[in-house]
């Protein structure tokens, strides 16, 4: 473990089950929430996901994107940074394997 409290993983030790062919869904809920009026913190999160080459579905309560697991994991960090940099007060993020 590094000094940040997060375990590091050597990419060469990855099993085939974590290859980018695994499909998954990213779901993000960014606060503060204002129905039908996404603020800059939400639009920045959406832009970060789109910049990762993923198609975004902006739902009533959460933003979702489907794609390769590795792409979603990479997009998650950019999404968190973008949303907080633009005024988010809290973010709920979920990634679920779908295939």
Protein backbone atom coordinates (compact mmCIF):
# COMPACT_ATOMS: atom_id res chain seq x y z
CA UNK A 1 0.00 0.00 0.00
CA UNK A 2 1.16 3.50 -0.73
CA UNK A 3 1.08 6.36 1.74
CA UNK A 4 -2.35 7.41 0.46
CA UNK A 5 -4.06 4.35 1.87
CA UNK A 6 -4.80 2.92 -1.56
CA UNK A 7 -3.39 -0.37 -2.77
CA UNK A 8 -1.52 -0.17 -6.04
CA UNK A 9 -1.93 -2.91 -8.58
CA UNK A 10 0.78 -3.98 -10.98
CA UNK A 11 -0.92 -3.98 -14.43
CA UNK A 12 1.15 -7.01 -15.47
CA UNK A 13 -0.61 -9.09 -12.79
CA UNK A 14 -4.13 -8.37 -14.06
CA UNK A 15 -6.22 -11.41 -14.81
CA UNK A 16 -8.13 -11.70 -18.05
CA UNK A 17 -11.35 -10.92 -16.14
CA UNK A 18 -10.21 -7.28 -15.79
CA UNK A 19 -9.35 -6.71 -19.45
CA UNK A 20 -11.04 -3.77 -21.18
CA UNK A 21 -13.42 -6.15 -22.97
CA UNK A 22 -15.47 -6.34 -19.76
CA UNK A 23 -18.54 -4.17 -20.15
CA UNK A 24 -19.79 -2.01 -17.32
CA UNK A 25 -22.05 0.90 -16.44
CA UNK A 26 -20.98 4.12 -14.75
CA UNK A 27 -23.64 5.96 -12.77
CA UNK A 28 -22.96 9.41 -11.31
CA UNK A 29 -25.16 11.60 -9.10
CA UNK A 30 -23.74 15.10 -8.62
CA UNK A 31 -24.95 17.48 -5.91
CA UNK A 32 -26.30 20.07 -5.46
CA UNK A 33 -29.23 18.72 -7.43
CA UNK A 34 -31.68 20.97 -9.28
CA UNK A 35 -34.26 19.12 -11.38
CA UNK A 36 -34.24 20.09 -15.08
CA UNK A 37 -31.51 22.68 -14.43
CA UNK A 38 -28.11 21.00 -14.45
CA UNK A 39 -25.53 23.44 -13.13
CA UNK A 40 -21.90 23.81 -14.22
CA UNK A 41 -20.86 21.04 -11.82
CA UNK A 42 -23.15 18.61 -13.67
CA UNK A 43 -22.29 19.78 -17.18
CA UNK A 44 -18.58 19.50 -16.34
CA UNK A 45 -19.09 15.91 -15.16
CA UNK A 46 -20.97 15.08 -18.38
CA UNK A 47 -18.26 16.71 -20.50
CA UNK A 48 -15.56 14.66 -18.73
CA UNK A 49 -17.40 11.42 -19.48
CA UNK A 50 -17.93 12.43 -23.10
CA UNK A 51 -14.26 13.41 -23.41
CA UNK A 52 -13.43 9.79 -22.55
CA UNK A 53 -15.30 8.78 -25.70
CA UNK A 54 -18.36 7.48 -23.88
CA UNK A 55 -21.99 8.16 -24.75
CA UNK A 56 -23.82 9.80 -21.84
CA UNK A 57 -27.43 9.35 -20.80
CA UNK A 58 -28.44 12.34 -18.66
CA UNK A 59 -31.31 10.96 -16.60
CA UNK A 60 -33.68 12.64 -14.17
CA UNK A 61 -31.54 11.78 -11.13
CA UNK A 62 -28.26 10.39 -12.42
CA UNK A 63 -25.96 10.41 -15.40
CA UNK A 64 -25.01 7.02 -16.85
CA UNK A 65 -22.61 5.71 -19.46
CA UNK A 66 -21.94 2.18 -20.66
CA UNK A 67 -18.65 0.94 -22.02
CA UNK A 68 -15.48 -1.01 -21.36
CA UNK A 69 -14.67 -1.25 -17.65
CA UNK A 70 -11.20 0.26 -18.03
CA UNK A 71 -12.60 3.28 -19.91
CA UNK A 72 -15.21 3.87 -17.20
CA UNK A 73 -12.64 3.63 -14.42
CA UNK A 74 -10.45 6.18 -16.23
CA UNK A 75 -13.44 8.46 -16.85
CA UNK A 76 -14.49 8.27 -13.18
CA UNK A 77 -11.41 10.16 -11.94
CA UNK A 78 -11.78 12.87 -14.56
CA UNK A 79 -15.49 13.15 -13.75
CA UNK A 80 -14.86 13.61 -10.03
CA UNK A 81 -12.18 16.25 -10.62
CA UNK A 82 -14.30 18.17 -13.15
CA UNK A 83 -17.45 18.16 -11.02
CA UNK A 84 -15.67 19.29 -7.83
CA UNK A 85 -13.73 21.96 -9.73
CA UNK A 86 -17.06 23.38 -10.91
CA UNK A 87 -18.92 23.54 -7.62
CA UNK A 88 -20.10 20.03 -6.74
CA UNK A 89 -20.61 19.55 -3.02
CA UNK A 90 -21.01 15.76 -3.13
CA UNK A 91 -20.80 13.02 -5.74
CA UNK A 92 -22.13 9.47 -5.66
CA UNK A 93 -20.42 7.25 -8.21
CA UNK A 94 -21.11 3.60 -8.98
CA UNK A 95 -19.50 1.29 -11.51
CA UNK A 96 -21.17 -2.06 -12.10
CA UNK A 97 -19.97 -4.84 -14.37
CA UNK A 98 -22.65 -5.70 -16.90
CA UNK A 99 -20.88 -8.27 -19.04
